[in-house]
Amino acid sequence: MKLVKQLNALEPFGQGNPEPTLVLRGAVLRHAVVMGNGSHLRGTVMTSAGTQLAFVGFNLVGTPVGDFLLDDANTNTKIMMLGKLKENEYNGRVSVQFVLEDMAI
């Protein structure tokens, strides 16, 4: 959560100050499931530091990235993720969430 707060201190984001995009290397895919209207997915990875991190991928179902993440055969595969680290508030609970834009093996 500390890193999310530090990134938020760089706001406001816009044309002259784009939101930072991060690369997460060495993450191990734990699981992914379809959510929402059926075009989004969510899941978790284990970071190289040994912490569990939730992620969400918007409009990824039906894409090569989504197909890879949803395939149970890829559980425990080491991946590299590209996206943004965000604060997620749901039902009064605040947590860190990685908003996935792309990934590589």
Protein backbone atom coordinates (compact mmCIF):
# COMPACT_ATOMS: atom_id res chain seq x y z
CA MET A 1 0.00 0.00 0.00
CA LYS A 2 2.97 2.29 0.64
CA LEU A 3 3.99 2.23 -3.05
CA VAL A 4 0.41 2.98 -4.14
CA LYS A 5 0.37 6.03 -1.86
CA GLN A 6 3.71 7.20 -3.26
CA LEU A 7 2.45 6.81 -6.82
CA ASN A 8 -0.76 8.67 -5.94
CA ALA A 9 1.36 11.58 -4.69
CA LEU A 10 2.37 12.13 -8.34
CA GLU A 11 -1.22 13.05 -9.30
CA PRO A 12 -2.95 14.64 -11.06
CA PHE A 13 -2.33 12.43 -14.09
CA GLY A 14 -3.12 13.67 -17.56
CA GLN A 15 -1.61 14.51 -20.91
CA GLY A 16 1.44 16.25 -19.46
CA ASN A 17 1.82 13.83 -16.56
CA PRO A 18 0.90 10.25 -17.57
CA GLU A 19 0.13 7.68 -14.89
CA PRO A 20 3.16 5.43 -14.23
CA THR A 21 3.08 2.03 -15.93
CA LEU A 22 4.96 -0.68 -14.04
CA VAL A 23 6.57 -3.98 -14.99
CA LEU A 24 6.22 -6.80 -12.49
CA ARG A 25 8.85 -9.47 -13.19
CA GLY A 26 8.93 -12.99 -11.80
CA ALA A 27 5.28 -13.17 -10.74
CA VAL A 28 3.82 -16.67 -10.46
CA LEU A 29 0.24 -17.08 -11.69
CA ARG A 30 -1.98 -18.58 -8.98
CA HIS A 31 -5.43 -18.32 -10.56
CA ALA A 32 -7.66 -16.26 -12.83
CA VAL A 33 -11.44 -16.23 -13.32
CA VAL A 34 -13.93 -14.36 -15.49
CA MET A 35 -15.78 -11.52 -13.76
CA GLY A 36 -18.31 -8.80 -14.45
CA ASN A 37 -20.08 -8.92 -17.78
CA GLY A 38 -17.90 -11.79 -18.98
CA SER A 39 -15.21 -9.74 -20.71
CA HIS A 40 -13.05 -8.99 -17.66
CA LEU A 41 -10.95 -11.22 -15.48
CA ARG A 42 -9.42 -11.15 -12.02
CA GLY A 43 -6.92 -13.32 -10.24
CA THR A 44 -3.85 -13.48 -8.07
CA VAL A 45 -0.12 -13.86 -8.53
CA MET A 46 2.68 -14.50 -6.08
CA THR A 47 5.34 -11.81 -6.45
CA SER A 48 9.06 -12.55 -6.46
CA ALA A 49 9.08 -11.02 -2.95
CA GLY A 50 6.70 -13.77 -1.81
CA THR A 51 3.57 -11.65 -1.38
CA GLN A 52 0.21 -12.38 -2.95
CA LEU A 53 -1.06 -9.65 -5.29
CA ALA A 54 -4.56 -9.39 -6.77
CA PHE A 55 -4.92 -8.33 -10.38
CA VAL A 56 -7.73 -7.34 -12.71
CA GLY A 57 -7.71 -7.32 -16.50
CA PHE A 58 -10.38 -5.36 -18.33
CA ASN A 59 -11.60 -6.61 -21.74
CA LEU A 60 -9.04 -9.43 -21.76
CA VAL A 61 -11.42 -12.40 -22.06
CA GLY A 62 -11.16 -13.81 -25.58
CA THR A 63 -7.69 -12.35 -26.16
CA PRO A 64 -4.43 -14.33 -26.16
CA VAL A 65 -3.55 -12.83 -22.74
CA GLY A 66 -6.93 -13.75 -21.28
CA ASP A 67 -6.86 -17.24 -22.79
CA PHE A 68 -3.42 -17.85 -21.27
CA LEU A 69 -4.40 -16.60 -17.81
CA LEU A 70 -7.67 -18.57 -17.74
CA ASP A 71 -6.06 -21.85 -18.83
CA ASP A 72 -5.59 -23.98 -15.68
CA ALA A 73 -2.53 -25.58 -17.30
CA ASN A 74 -0.71 -22.26 -16.79
CA THR A 75 -1.20 -22.14 -13.02
CA ASN A 76 2.18 -21.74 -11.30
CA THR A 77 3.75 -20.33 -14.48
CA LYS A 78 6.20 -17.47 -14.01
CA ILE A 79 5.06 -14.38 -15.93
CA MET A 80 5.98 -10.74 -16.44
CA MET A 81 3.10 -8.26 -16.08
CA LEU A 82 2.66 -4.73 -17.43
CA GLY A 83 0.12 -2.41 -15.85
CA LYS A 84 -0.74 0.00 -13.09
CA LEU A 85 -0.80 -0.42 -9.33
CA LYS A 86 -4.03 0.89 -7.83
CA GLU A 87 -5.89 1.15 -4.58
CA ASN A 88 -9.10 -0.88 -4.75
CA GLU A 89 -12.02 -0.23 -2.41
CA TYR A 90 -14.80 -2.83 -2.33
CA ASN A 91 -17.43 -3.24 0.39
CA GLY A 92 -15.51 -0.84 2.63
CA ARG A 93 -12.28 -2.84 2.35
CA VAL A 94 -9.23 -1.21 0.78
CA SER A 95 -6.54 -3.32 -0.91
CA VAL A 96 -3.81 -3.09 -3.54
CA GLN A 97 -4.66 -4.29 -7.02
CA PHE A 98 -2.59 -4.53 -10.20
CA VAL A 99 -4.52 -3.42 -13.30
CA LEU A 100 -3.09 -5.68 -15.99
CA GLU A 101 -2.56 -4.27 -19.48
CA ASP A 102 -0.28 -6.94 -20.99
CA MET A 103 1.93 -9.85 -19.99
CA ALA A 104 4.70 -12.09 -21.24
CA ILE A 105 6.05 -15.50 -20.27
